[in-house]
Amino acid sequence: MIDALLKDHIDPLWEKLARPLARAGMTPNQVTAAGLVLVCLVSAAYVWHRSELVFGLTLILAHAFDALDGAVARQTGLSSKSGGYFDAMVDRYQELIVLAAIGHVTDNWPLAMLAFAGAVIISYAKARTAIETPVSNTAWPDMFERLERIIFVCALLILAGLLPVDWLMTAGLALYALLCHLTALQRIRRATALLRAADDQAGPS
């Protein structure tokens, strides 16, 4: 939702930041892969240093770099369906790695995995709908999309690092999981309406 609302303001920033990468000859897939490596590194570092504040700040940088692949694709003319697919798969692995690191350090495995399951269902709800009927990739302005989840988890980590409150990470993960599953239900409701409309238009088989 944030991405859709602020797209006109965010995209020029990504274009400017991506220009050096495009000039250096990096391909969009290389930027995507580098973003995955960065997320893996900062997550592994968190398992070692166990500082939520440091993890939150470094995760912002890793995700900011990862967000440049689309701008690099536009500037180099290398946009492709396979690249979009690769980016989507990497996004899921990034979320798994981050939540697994948090689950390990905080010993909140059930909540971390419940949160990841919700995030995957959010993505699958739209992908599965697209198998049944053509859907717009931009007409899904849902409550807790990927950008919101990134902002939420980074803010949670930074806040937990600044405030010595034992229950903060547990409460934050629980809220993250709840928002994921509410958004999944939101998408399921929209998908059901779209598919019923497609059934009505097609008529009885």
N, C-alpha and C. Protein backbone atom coordinates (compact mmCIF):
# COMPACT_ATOMS: atom_id res chain seq x y z
N MET A 1 0.82 -1.20 0.00
CA MET A 1 0.00 0.00 0.00
C MET A 1 0.86 1.26 0.00
N ILE A 2 1.90 1.28 0.85
CA ILE A 2 2.80 2.44 0.90
C ILE A 2 3.48 2.63 -0.44
N ASP A 3 3.92 1.53 -1.03
CA ASP A 3 4.61 1.59 -2.32
C ASP A 3 3.72 2.22 -3.38
N ALA A 4 2.44 1.84 -3.40
CA ALA A 4 1.51 2.40 -4.39
C ALA A 4 1.24 3.88 -4.14
N LEU A 5 1.10 4.27 -2.87
CA LEU A 5 0.78 5.65 -2.53
C LEU A 5 1.96 6.59 -2.78
N LEU A 6 3.18 6.11 -2.53
CA LEU A 6 4.36 6.97 -2.61
C LEU A 6 5.24 6.67 -3.83
N LYS A 7 4.71 5.90 -4.77
CA LYS A 7 5.50 5.45 -5.91
C LYS A 7 6.13 6.62 -6.66
N ASP A 8 5.37 7.69 -6.89
CA ASP A 8 5.88 8.83 -7.65
C ASP A 8 7.02 9.54 -6.92
N HIS A 9 7.07 9.39 -5.61
CA HIS A 9 8.13 10.03 -4.82
C HIS A 9 9.32 9.09 -4.61
N ILE A 10 9.04 7.78 -4.49
CA ILE A 10 10.10 6.81 -4.21
C ILE A 10 10.90 6.46 -5.46
N ASP A 11 10.21 6.27 -6.59
CA ASP A 11 10.89 5.82 -7.82
C ASP A 11 12.03 6.74 -8.26
N PRO A 12 11.87 8.07 -8.24
CA PRO A 12 13.00 8.93 -8.64
C PRO A 12 14.24 8.73 -7.76
N LEU A 13 14.02 8.45 -6.47
CA LEU A 13 15.15 8.19 -5.58
C LEU A 13 15.86 6.91 -5.97
N TRP A 14 15.08 5.82 -6.24
CA TRP A 14 15.70 4.57 -6.66
C TRP A 14 16.46 4.75 -7.97
N GLU A 15 15.87 5.51 -8.90
CA GLU A 15 16.53 5.75 -10.20
C GLU A 15 17.89 6.41 -10.00
N LYS A 16 17.94 7.40 -9.11
CA LYS A 16 19.19 8.11 -8.87
C LYS A 16 20.24 7.21 -8.21
N LEU A 17 19.81 6.43 -7.22
CA LEU A 17 20.74 5.55 -6.52
C LEU A 17 21.21 4.39 -7.40
N ALA A 18 20.38 3.98 -8.36
CA ALA A 18 20.73 2.85 -9.21
C ALA A 18 21.67 3.23 -10.35
N ARG A 19 21.77 4.51 -10.65
CA ARG A 19 22.56 4.95 -11.80
C ARG A 19 24.02 4.47 -11.75
N PRO A 20 24.71 4.57 -10.60
CA PRO A 20 26.10 4.07 -10.56
C PRO A 20 26.20 2.57 -10.82
N LEU A 21 25.20 1.81 -10.36
CA LEU A 21 25.22 0.36 -10.58
C LEU A 21 25.04 0.04 -12.05
N ALA A 22 24.12 0.75 -12.70
CA ALA A 22 23.89 0.53 -14.13
C ALA A 22 25.13 0.91 -14.93
N ARG A 23 25.77 2.01 -14.56
CA ARG A 23 26.98 2.45 -15.26
C ARG A 23 28.13 1.48 -15.05
N ALA A 24 28.13 0.81 -13.89
CA ALA A 24 29.19 -0.16 -13.60
C ALA A 24 28.98 -1.48 -14.34
N GLY A 25 27.84 -1.60 -15.01
CA GLY A 25 27.58 -2.80 -15.80
C GLY A 25 26.87 -3.91 -15.06
N MET A 26 26.35 -3.62 -13.88
CA MET A 26 25.62 -4.66 -13.14
C MET A 26 24.27 -4.93 -13.80
N THR A 27 23.89 -6.18 -13.87
CA THR A 27 22.57 -6.55 -14.40
C THR A 27 21.56 -6.54 -13.26
N PRO A 28 20.27 -6.44 -13.58
CA PRO A 28 19.25 -6.51 -12.52
C PRO A 28 19.35 -7.77 -11.68
N ASN A 29 19.60 -8.91 -12.31
CA ASN A 29 19.69 -10.16 -11.55
C ASN A 29 20.90 -10.16 -10.62
N GLN A 30 21.99 -9.52 -11.04
CA GLN A 30 23.15 -9.41 -10.17
C GLN A 30 22.85 -8.56 -8.95
N VAL A 31 22.09 -7.48 -9.14
CA VAL A 31 21.69 -6.63 -8.02
C VAL A 31 20.78 -7.42 -7.07
N THR A 32 19.84 -8.17 -7.63
CA THR A 32 18.94 -8.99 -6.82
C THR A 32 19.73 -10.01 -6.00
N ALA A 33 20.67 -10.69 -6.66
CA ALA A 33 21.49 -11.70 -5.97
C ALA A 33 22.36 -11.05 -4.89
N ALA A 34 22.91 -9.88 -5.20
CA ALA A 34 23.73 -9.17 -4.21
C ALA A 34 22.90 -8.76 -3.01
N GLY A 35 21.64 -8.37 -3.27
CA GLY A 35 20.75 -8.02 -2.16
C GLY A 35 20.49 -9.21 -1.25
N LEU A 36 20.32 -10.40 -1.85
CA LEU A 36 20.14 -11.61 -1.06
C LEU A 36 21.37 -11.91 -0.21
N VAL A 37 22.55 -11.76 -0.81
CA VAL A 37 23.80 -11.99 -0.08
C VAL A 37 23.91 -11.03 1.10
N LEU A 38 23.57 -9.76 0.88
CA LEU A 38 23.65 -8.77 1.96
C LEU A 38 22.70 -9.12 3.10
N VAL A 39 21.48 -9.52 2.76
CA VAL A 39 20.52 -9.90 3.80
C VAL A 39 21.03 -11.12 4.57
N CYS A 40 21.61 -12.08 3.86
CA CYS A 40 22.19 -13.26 4.53
C CYS A 40 23.32 -12.84 5.48
N LEU A 41 24.17 -11.94 5.03
CA LEU A 41 25.31 -11.52 5.85
C LEU A 41 24.88 -10.79 7.10
N VAL A 42 23.95 -9.82 6.96
CA VAL A 42 23.54 -9.06 8.15
C VAL A 42 22.72 -9.94 9.09
N SER A 43 22.00 -10.93 8.54
CA SER A 43 21.24 -11.85 9.40
C SER A 43 22.19 -12.78 10.15
N ALA A 44 23.21 -13.27 9.46
CA ALA A 44 24.21 -14.12 10.12
C ALA A 44 24.97 -13.33 11.18
N ALA A 45 25.26 -12.08 10.88
CA ALA A 45 25.94 -11.23 11.86
C ALA A 45 25.07 -11.02 13.10
N TYR A 46 23.76 -10.90 12.90
CA TYR A 46 22.83 -10.73 14.03
C TYR A 46 22.85 -11.96 14.93
N VAL A 47 22.91 -13.14 14.32
CA VAL A 47 22.98 -14.37 15.12
C VAL A 47 24.23 -14.35 16.00
N TRP A 48 25.29 -13.69 15.50
CA TRP A 48 26.55 -13.62 16.26
C TRP A 48 26.53 -12.50 17.30
N HIS A 49 26.20 -11.24 16.87
CA HIS A 49 26.30 -10.12 17.81
C HIS A 49 25.03 -9.91 18.65
N ARG A 50 23.89 -10.40 18.17
CA ARG A 50 22.62 -10.39 18.92
C ARG A 50 22.17 -8.98 19.31
N SER A 51 22.51 -8.00 18.53
CA SER A 51 22.06 -6.63 18.77
C SER A 51 20.93 -6.29 17.81
N GLU A 52 19.73 -6.11 18.36
CA GLU A 52 18.60 -5.75 17.51
C GLU A 52 18.81 -4.42 16.81
N LEU A 53 19.42 -3.46 17.52
CA LEU A 53 19.65 -2.14 16.93
C LEU A 53 20.56 -2.24 15.71
N VAL A 54 21.67 -2.95 15.83
CA VAL A 54 22.60 -3.09 14.71
C VAL A 54 21.94 -3.85 13.56
N PHE A 55 21.19 -4.89 13.89
CA PHE A 55 20.51 -5.67 12.84
C PHE A 55 19.49 -4.80 12.11
N GLY A 56 18.72 -4.03 12.85
CA GLY A 56 17.73 -3.17 12.21
C GLY A 56 18.35 -2.17 11.26
N LEU A 57 19.43 -1.54 11.68
CA LEU A 57 20.09 -0.52 10.85
C LEU A 57 20.74 -1.14 9.62
N THR A 58 21.42 -2.26 9.80
CA THR A 58 22.09 -2.90 8.66
C THR A 58 21.08 -3.52 7.70
N LEU A 59 19.94 -3.96 8.25
CA LEU A 59 18.90 -4.55 7.41
C LEU A 59 18.28 -3.48 6.50
N ILE A 60 18.16 -2.26 7.01
CA ILE A 60 17.67 -1.15 6.18
C ILE A 60 18.57 -0.96 4.97
N LEU A 61 19.87 -0.97 5.20
CA LEU A 61 20.83 -0.79 4.10
C LEU A 61 20.75 -1.95 3.10
N ALA A 62 20.64 -3.17 3.62
CA ALA A 62 20.57 -4.34 2.73
C ALA A 62 19.32 -4.30 1.87
N HIS A 63 18.19 -3.98 2.47
CA HIS A 63 16.93 -3.91 1.71
C HIS A 63 16.93 -2.72 0.74
N ALA A 64 17.55 -1.63 1.12
CA ALA A 64 17.63 -0.48 0.22
C ALA A 64 18.42 -0.84 -1.04
N PHE A 65 19.52 -1.57 -0.87
CA PHE A 65 20.29 -2.01 -2.04
C PHE A 65 19.46 -2.96 -2.89
N ASP A 66 18.77 -3.88 -2.24
CA ASP A 66 17.97 -4.87 -2.97
C ASP A 66 16.87 -4.20 -3.80
N ALA A 67 16.37 -3.05 -3.33
CA ALA A 67 15.27 -2.37 -4.02
C ALA A 67 15.72 -1.71 -5.33
N LEU A 68 17.02 -1.70 -5.60
CA LEU A 68 17.52 -1.02 -6.79
C LEU A 68 17.46 -1.86 -8.05
N ASP A 69 17.11 -3.14 -7.94
CA ASP A 69 17.15 -4.00 -9.13
C ASP A 69 16.17 -3.55 -10.20
N GLY A 70 14.99 -3.11 -9.80
CA GLY A 70 14.00 -2.65 -10.78
C GLY A 70 14.47 -1.42 -11.53
N ALA A 71 15.08 -0.48 -10.80
CA ALA A 71 15.60 0.74 -11.43
C ALA A 71 16.75 0.41 -12.38
N VAL A 72 17.61 -0.53 -11.97
CA VAL A 72 18.71 -0.96 -12.86
C VAL A 72 18.14 -1.59 -14.12
N ALA A 73 17.07 -2.38 -13.98
CA ALA A 73 16.45 -3.02 -15.14
C ALA A 73 15.93 -1.97 -16.12
N ARG A 74 15.31 -0.91 -15.60
CA ARG A 74 14.78 0.14 -16.47
C ARG A 74 15.90 0.91 -17.15
N GLN A 75 16.97 1.18 -16.44
CA GLN A 75 18.06 1.98 -16.99
C GLN A 75 18.91 1.21 -17.99
N THR A 76 18.97 -0.09 -17.83
CA THR A 76 19.79 -0.91 -18.74
C THR A 76 18.95 -1.55 -19.84
N GLY A 77 17.63 -1.43 -19.74
CA GLY A 77 16.76 -2.06 -20.73
C GLY A 77 16.75 -3.58 -20.63
N LEU A 78 17.03 -4.10 -19.44
CA LEU A 78 17.12 -5.55 -19.26
C LEU A 78 15.95 -6.12 -18.46
N SER A 79 14.83 -5.43 -18.48
CA SER A 79 13.64 -5.97 -17.80
C SER A 79 13.20 -7.26 -18.48
N SER A 80 12.81 -8.24 -17.67
CA SER A 80 12.39 -9.52 -18.23
C SER A 80 11.45 -10.23 -17.28
N LYS A 81 10.63 -11.12 -17.80
CA LYS A 81 9.73 -11.91 -16.97
C LYS A 81 10.52 -12.84 -16.05
N SER A 82 11.61 -13.40 -16.57
CA SER A 82 12.41 -14.30 -15.73
C SER A 82 13.08 -13.53 -14.60
N GLY A 83 13.46 -12.28 -14.88
CA GLY A 83 14.05 -11.46 -13.84
C GLY A 83 13.04 -11.11 -12.76
N GLY A 84 11.81 -10.81 -13.17
CA GLY A 84 10.76 -10.53 -12.19
C GLY A 84 10.47 -11.74 -11.32
N TYR A 85 10.48 -12.92 -11.94
CA TYR A 85 10.26 -14.16 -11.19
C TYR A 85 11.39 -14.40 -10.19
N PHE A 86 12.62 -14.21 -10.66
CA PHE A 86 13.79 -14.39 -9.79
C PHE A 86 13.71 -13.44 -8.60
N ASP A 87 13.35 -12.19 -8.84
CA ASP A 87 13.24 -11.19 -7.78
C ASP A 87 12.18 -11.61 -6.76
N ALA A 88 11.04 -12.10 -7.24
CA ALA A 88 9.96 -12.52 -6.33
C ALA A 88 10.39 -13.69 -5.45
N MET A 89 11.11 -14.65 -6.03
CA MET A 89 11.57 -15.80 -5.26
C MET A 89 12.62 -15.38 -4.22
N VAL A 90 13.51 -14.48 -4.62
CA VAL A 90 14.53 -13.99 -3.69
C VAL A 90 13.87 -13.25 -2.53
N ASP A 91 12.81 -12.48 -2.83
CA ASP A 91 12.10 -11.77 -1.76
C ASP A 91 11.59 -12.73 -0.70
N ARG A 92 11.06 -13.88 -1.12
CA ARG A 92 10.54 -14.84 -0.16
C ARG A 92 11.68 -15.41 0.70
N TYR A 93 12.81 -15.72 0.06
CA TYR A 93 13.94 -16.25 0.82
C TYR A 93 14.50 -15.22 1.79
N GLN A 94 14.52 -13.96 1.37
CA GLN A 94 14.99 -12.91 2.27
C GLN A 94 14.13 -12.85 3.53
N GLU A 95 12.82 -12.91 3.33
CA GLU A 95 11.92 -12.85 4.48
C GLU A 95 12.11 -14.05 5.39
N LEU A 96 12.29 -15.22 4.79
CA LEU A 96 12.54 -16.42 5.59
C LEU A 96 13.82 -16.28 6.41
N ILE A 97 14.89 -15.81 5.77
CA ILE A 97 16.18 -15.69 6.45
C ILE A 97 16.10 -14.72 7.62
N VAL A 98 15.46 -13.57 7.40
CA VAL A 98 15.35 -12.55 8.45
C VAL A 98 14.53 -13.09 9.63
N LEU A 99 13.38 -13.69 9.34
CA LEU A 99 12.53 -14.20 10.42
C LEU A 99 13.16 -15.40 11.12
N ALA A 100 13.90 -16.22 10.37
CA ALA A 100 14.60 -17.34 11.01
C ALA A 100 15.68 -16.84 11.96
N ALA A 101 16.40 -15.79 11.55
CA ALA A 101 17.42 -15.21 12.42
C ALA A 101 16.79 -14.65 13.70
N ILE A 102 15.67 -13.95 13.54
CA ILE A 102 14.97 -13.40 14.71
C ILE A 102 14.45 -14.53 15.59
N GLY A 103 13.88 -15.56 14.98
CA GLY A 103 13.38 -16.70 15.74
C GLY A 103 14.48 -17.37 16.54
N HIS A 104 15.67 -17.49 15.93
CA HIS A 104 16.80 -18.14 16.60
C HIS A 104 17.30 -17.31 17.78
N VAL A 105 17.52 -16.02 17.54
CA VAL A 105 18.10 -15.17 18.59
C VAL A 105 17.13 -14.96 19.74
N THR A 106 15.86 -14.76 19.43
CA THR A 106 14.86 -14.47 20.48
C THR A 106 14.18 -15.72 21.02
N ASP A 107 14.45 -16.87 20.39
CA ASP A 107 13.81 -18.13 20.75
C ASP A 107 12.29 -18.05 20.60
N ASN A 108 11.87 -17.33 19.54
CA ASN A 108 10.44 -17.20 19.24
C ASN A 108 10.12 -17.90 17.93
N TRP A 109 10.55 -19.15 17.80
CA TRP A 109 10.36 -19.90 16.56
C TRP A 109 8.89 -20.01 16.14
N PRO A 110 7.97 -20.34 17.05
CA PRO A 110 6.57 -20.47 16.60
C PRO A 110 6.02 -19.19 15.98
N LEU A 111 6.27 -18.05 16.62
CA LEU A 111 5.78 -16.78 16.09
C LEU A 111 6.49 -16.41 14.79
N ALA A 112 7.78 -16.66 14.73
CA ALA A 112 8.54 -16.33 13.51
C ALA A 112 8.03 -17.14 12.32
N MET A 113 7.78 -18.41 12.53
CA MET A 113 7.30 -19.25 11.44
C MET A 113 5.84 -18.95 11.09
N LEU A 114 5.03 -18.58 12.09
CA LEU A 114 3.65 -18.16 11.82
C LEU A 114 3.65 -16.88 10.99
N ALA A 115 4.57 -15.98 11.29
CA ALA A 115 4.69 -14.74 10.52
C ALA A 115 5.12 -15.04 9.09
N PHE A 116 6.09 -15.93 8.92
CA PHE A 116 6.55 -16.26 7.56
C PHE A 116 5.44 -16.94 6.77
N ALA A 117 4.70 -17.82 7.42
CA ALA A 117 3.59 -18.50 6.74
C ALA A 117 2.57 -17.47 6.23
N GLY A 118 2.26 -16.48 7.05
CA GLY A 118 1.33 -15.46 6.62
C GLY A 118 1.85 -14.67 5.43
N ALA A 119 3.14 -14.33 5.45
CA ALA A 119 3.74 -13.60 4.34
C ALA A 119 3.69 -14.40 3.05
N VAL A 120 3.95 -15.69 3.14
CA VAL A 120 3.90 -16.55 1.95
C VAL A 120 2.48 -16.66 1.41
N ILE A 121 1.50 -16.78 2.30
CA ILE A 121 0.11 -16.88 1.86
C ILE A 121 -0.32 -15.58 1.17
N ILE A 122 0.15 -14.44 1.67
CA ILE A 122 -0.14 -13.16 1.00
C ILE A 122 0.30 -13.21 -0.45
N SER A 123 1.52 -13.67 -0.67
CA SER A 123 2.06 -13.76 -2.03
C SER A 123 1.31 -14.80 -2.86
N TYR A 124 1.06 -15.96 -2.24
CA TYR A 124 0.42 -17.06 -2.98
C TYR A 124 -1.01 -16.73 -3.37
N ALA A 125 -1.71 -15.96 -2.53
CA ALA A 125 -3.11 -15.64 -2.81
C ALA A 125 -3.25 -14.94 -4.16
N LYS A 126 -2.32 -14.03 -4.47
CA LYS A 126 -2.39 -13.34 -5.75
C LYS A 126 -1.86 -14.23 -6.87
N ALA A 127 -0.76 -14.93 -6.62
CA ALA A 127 -0.17 -15.79 -7.65
C ALA A 127 -1.14 -16.88 -8.09
N ARG A 128 -1.84 -17.48 -7.14
CA ARG A 128 -2.78 -18.55 -7.48
C ARG A 128 -3.98 -18.00 -8.25
N THR A 129 -4.41 -16.79 -7.91
CA THR A 129 -5.50 -16.16 -8.64
C THR A 129 -5.13 -15.94 -10.09
N ALA A 130 -3.87 -15.53 -10.31
CA ALA A 130 -3.41 -15.25 -11.68
C ALA A 130 -3.40 -16.50 -12.55
N ILE A 131 -3.32 -17.68 -11.94
CA ILE A 131 -3.40 -18.93 -12.70
C ILE A 131 -4.81 -19.13 -13.24
N GLU A 132 -5.80 -18.70 -12.47
CA GLU A 132 -7.19 -18.91 -12.83
C GLU A 132 -7.74 -17.83 -13.77
N THR A 133 -7.30 -16.59 -13.58
CA THR A 133 -7.81 -15.48 -14.39
C THR A 133 -6.77 -14.36 -14.43
N PRO A 134 -6.68 -13.61 -15.53
CA PRO A 134 -5.71 -12.51 -15.59
C PRO A 134 -6.00 -11.46 -14.49
N VAL A 135 -4.95 -11.03 -13.80
CA VAL A 135 -5.11 -10.02 -12.75
C VAL A 135 -4.08 -8.92 -12.96
N SER A 136 -4.43 -7.73 -12.51
CA SER A 136 -3.49 -6.61 -12.55
C SER A 136 -2.49 -6.75 -11.42
N ASN A 137 -1.23 -6.48 -11.70
CA ASN A 137 -0.20 -6.58 -10.67
C ASN A 137 -0.20 -5.39 -9.74
N THR A 138 -0.95 -4.33 -10.10
CA THR A 138 -0.95 -3.12 -9.28
C THR A 138 -2.28 -2.90 -8.57
N ALA A 139 -3.27 -3.73 -8.83
CA ALA A 139 -4.60 -3.52 -8.25
C ALA A 139 -4.81 -4.34 -6.99
N TRP A 140 -3.77 -4.48 -6.18
CA TRP A 140 -3.87 -5.23 -4.93
C TRP A 140 -3.33 -4.37 -3.79
N PRO A 141 -3.99 -3.25 -3.49
CA PRO A 141 -3.47 -2.32 -2.47
C PRO A 141 -3.78 -2.81 -1.06
N ASP A 142 -3.09 -3.83 -0.64
CA ASP A 142 -3.43 -4.48 0.63
C ASP A 142 -2.69 -3.87 1.81
N MET A 143 -3.15 -4.23 2.99
CA MET A 143 -2.74 -3.59 4.23
C MET A 143 -1.25 -3.80 4.57
N PHE A 144 -0.76 -5.03 4.46
CA PHE A 144 0.57 -5.36 4.99
C PHE A 144 1.41 -6.02 3.90
N GLU A 145 1.70 -5.27 2.85
CA GLU A 145 2.50 -5.77 1.73
C GLU A 145 3.98 -5.81 2.12
N ARG A 146 4.82 -6.19 1.17
CA ARG A 146 6.22 -6.43 1.49
C ARG A 146 6.92 -5.19 2.04
N LEU A 147 6.70 -4.02 1.42
CA LEU A 147 7.36 -2.81 1.91
C LEU A 147 6.94 -2.50 3.34
N GLU A 148 5.65 -2.66 3.64
CA GLU A 148 5.19 -2.45 5.02
C GLU A 148 5.85 -3.43 5.97
N ARG A 149 6.01 -4.67 5.52
CA ARG A 149 6.64 -5.68 6.39
C ARG A 149 8.10 -5.35 6.64
N ILE A 150 8.80 -4.87 5.63
CA ILE A 150 10.20 -4.50 5.80
C ILE A 150 10.32 -3.34 6.78
N ILE A 151 9.49 -2.31 6.59
CA ILE A 151 9.52 -1.15 7.48
C ILE A 151 9.19 -1.59 8.91
N PHE A 152 8.18 -2.44 9.05
CA PHE A 152 7.75 -2.90 10.38
C PHE A 152 8.88 -3.63 11.09
N VAL A 153 9.50 -4.60 10.42
CA VAL A 153 10.50 -5.42 11.11
C VAL A 153 11.75 -4.61 11.42
N CYS A 154 12.15 -3.69 10.54
CA CYS A 154 13.31 -2.83 10.82
C CYS A 154 13.02 -1.90 11.99
N ALA A 155 11.81 -1.30 11.99
CA ALA A 155 11.43 -0.41 13.09
C ALA A 155 11.35 -1.18 14.41
N LEU A 156 10.81 -2.41 14.35
CA LEU A 156 10.71 -3.23 15.56
C LEU A 156 12.10 -3.53 16.12
N LEU A 157 13.02 -3.91 15.25
CA LEU A 157 14.37 -4.23 15.70
C LEU A 157 15.06 -3.01 16.32
N ILE A 158 14.92 -1.87 15.67
CA ILE A 158 15.56 -0.65 16.18
C ILE A 158 14.95 -0.26 17.52
N LEU A 159 13.62 -0.33 17.61
CA LEU A 159 12.94 0.00 18.86
C LEU A 159 13.34 -0.96 19.97
N ALA A 160 13.42 -2.25 19.64
CA ALA A 160 13.82 -3.24 20.65
C ALA A 160 15.26 -3.02 21.09
N GLY A 161 16.10 -2.52 20.19
CA GLY A 161 17.48 -2.23 20.55
C GLY A 161 17.62 -1.01 21.43
N LEU A 162 16.69 -0.08 21.29
CA LEU A 162 16.76 1.16 22.07
C LEU A 162 16.04 1.05 23.41
N LEU A 163 15.01 0.20 23.45
CA LEU A 163 14.22 0.05 24.68
C LEU A 163 14.46 -1.33 25.28
N PRO A 164 15.01 -1.40 26.47
CA PRO A 164 15.28 -2.70 27.10
C PRO A 164 14.02 -3.32 27.70
N VAL A 165 13.11 -3.71 26.80
CA VAL A 165 11.85 -4.32 27.23
C VAL A 165 11.83 -5.76 26.72
N ASP A 166 11.80 -6.72 27.62
CA ASP A 166 11.94 -8.13 27.25
C ASP A 166 10.85 -8.62 26.31
N TRP A 167 9.62 -8.11 26.50
CA TRP A 167 8.49 -8.64 25.75
C TRP A 167 8.28 -7.97 24.39
N LEU A 168 9.09 -6.96 24.08
CA LEU A 168 8.84 -6.16 22.88
C LEU A 168 8.95 -6.98 21.59
N MET A 169 10.00 -7.77 21.47
CA MET A 169 10.17 -8.56 20.26
C MET A 169 9.07 -9.61 20.12
N THR A 170 8.66 -10.21 21.24
CA THR A 170 7.58 -11.20 21.19
C THR A 170 6.28 -10.55 20.75
N ALA A 171 5.96 -9.40 21.34
CA ALA A 171 4.74 -8.69 20.98
C ALA A 171 4.80 -8.23 19.53
N GLY A 172 5.98 -7.76 19.10
CA GLY A 172 6.14 -7.30 17.73
C GLY A 172 5.97 -8.42 16.72
N LEU A 173 6.55 -9.57 17.00
CA LEU A 173 6.39 -10.72 16.10
C LEU A 173 4.94 -11.18 16.04
N ALA A 174 4.27 -11.17 17.19
CA ALA A 174 2.86 -11.57 17.22
C ALA A 174 2.01 -10.62 16.38
N LEU A 175 2.28 -9.31 16.49
CA LEU A 175 1.54 -8.34 15.68
C LEU A 175 1.86 -8.49 14.21
N TYR A 176 3.13 -8.74 13.90
CA TYR A 176 3.56 -8.99 12.51
C TYR A 176 2.79 -10.17 11.92
N ALA A 177 2.74 -11.26 12.67
CA ALA A 177 2.03 -12.46 12.20
C ALA A 177 0.55 -12.18 12.01
N LEU A 178 -0.06 -11.47 12.97
CA LEU A 178 -1.48 -11.14 12.88
C LEU A 178 -1.78 -10.30 11.65
N LEU A 179 -0.97 -9.27 11.40
CA LEU A 179 -1.18 -8.41 10.24
C LEU A 179 -0.98 -9.17 8.94
N CYS A 180 -0.02 -10.10 8.92
CA CYS A 180 0.19 -10.93 7.72
C CYS A 180 -1.06 -11.74 7.40
N HIS A 181 -1.62 -12.39 8.41
CA HIS A 181 -2.76 -13.26 8.15
C HIS A 181 -4.03 -12.47 7.88
N LEU A 182 -4.17 -11.30 8.47
CA LEU A 182 -5.31 -10.45 8.12
C LEU A 182 -5.21 -9.98 6.67
N THR A 183 -3.99 -9.66 6.24
CA THR A 183 -3.79 -9.25 4.85
C THR A 183 -4.02 -10.42 3.91
N ALA A 184 -3.59 -11.61 4.31
CA ALA A 184 -3.86 -12.80 3.49
C ALA A 184 -5.36 -13.00 3.32
N LEU A 185 -6.12 -12.84 4.39
CA LEU A 185 -7.57 -12.96 4.30
C LEU A 185 -8.16 -11.87 3.41
N GLN A 186 -7.59 -10.67 3.48
CA GLN A 186 -8.03 -9.58 2.61
C GLN A 186 -7.83 -9.95 1.14
N ARG A 187 -6.69 -10.54 0.83
CA ARG A 187 -6.41 -10.95 -0.55
C ARG A 187 -7.30 -12.12 -0.97
N ILE A 188 -7.52 -13.05 -0.07
CA ILE A 188 -8.39 -14.19 -0.39
C ILE A 188 -9.80 -13.70 -0.71
N ARG A 189 -10.27 -12.73 0.06
CA ARG A 189 -11.61 -12.18 -0.18
C ARG A 189 -11.67 -11.52 -1.56
N ARG A 190 -10.65 -10.72 -1.91
CA ARG A 190 -10.63 -10.07 -3.22
C ARG A 190 -10.53 -11.11 -4.33
N ALA A 191 -9.67 -12.09 -4.14
CA ALA A 191 -9.48 -13.13 -5.16
C ALA A 191 -10.78 -13.90 -5.39
N THR A 192 -11.48 -14.22 -4.31
CA THR A 192 -12.74 -14.95 -4.45
C THR A 192 -13.75 -14.14 -5.26
N ALA A 193 -13.81 -12.83 -5.00
CA ALA A 193 -14.73 -11.97 -5.75
C ALA A 193 -14.35 -11.92 -7.23
N LEU A 194 -13.07 -11.82 -7.53
CA LEU A 194 -12.60 -11.80 -8.92
C LEU A 194 -12.93 -13.10 -9.64
N LEU A 195 -12.70 -14.21 -8.96
CA LEU A 195 -12.92 -15.50 -9.59
C LEU A 195 -14.41 -15.78 -9.78
N ARG A 196 -15.23 -15.35 -8.85
CA ARG A 196 -16.67 -15.51 -9.02
C ARG A 196 -17.18 -14.66 -10.18
N ALA A 197 -16.61 -13.46 -10.33
CA ALA A 197 -16.99 -12.60 -11.46
C ALA A 197 -16.57 -13.25 -12.77
N ALA A 198 -15.37 -13.87 -12.78
CA ALA A 198 -14.91 -14.56 -13.98
C ALA A 198 -15.80 -15.76 -14.29
N ASP A 199 -16.25 -16.47 -13.26
CA ASP A 199 -17.15 -17.60 -13.46
C ASP A 199 -18.49 -17.13 -14.04
N ASP A 200 -19.00 -16.03 -13.51
CA ASP A 200 -20.27 -15.51 -13.99
C ASP A 200 -20.18 -15.06 -15.45
N GLN A 201 -19.03 -14.46 -15.80
CA GLN A 201 -18.84 -14.00 -17.17
C GLN A 201 -18.70 -15.19 -18.13
N ALA A 202 -18.07 -16.24 -17.67
CA ALA A 202 -17.88 -17.41 -18.53
C ALA A 202 -19.17 -18.21 -18.70
N GLY A 203 -20.05 -18.13 -17.71
CA GLY A 203 -21.30 -18.87 -17.79
C GLY A 203 -21.10 -20.32 -17.42
N PRO A 204 -22.16 -21.10 -17.43
CA PRO A 204 -22.06 -22.53 -17.06
C PRO A 204 -21.22 -23.29 -18.06
N SER A 205 -20.42 -24.22 -17.56
CA SER A 205 -19.55 -25.00 -18.43
C SER A 205 -20.31 -26.21 -18.96
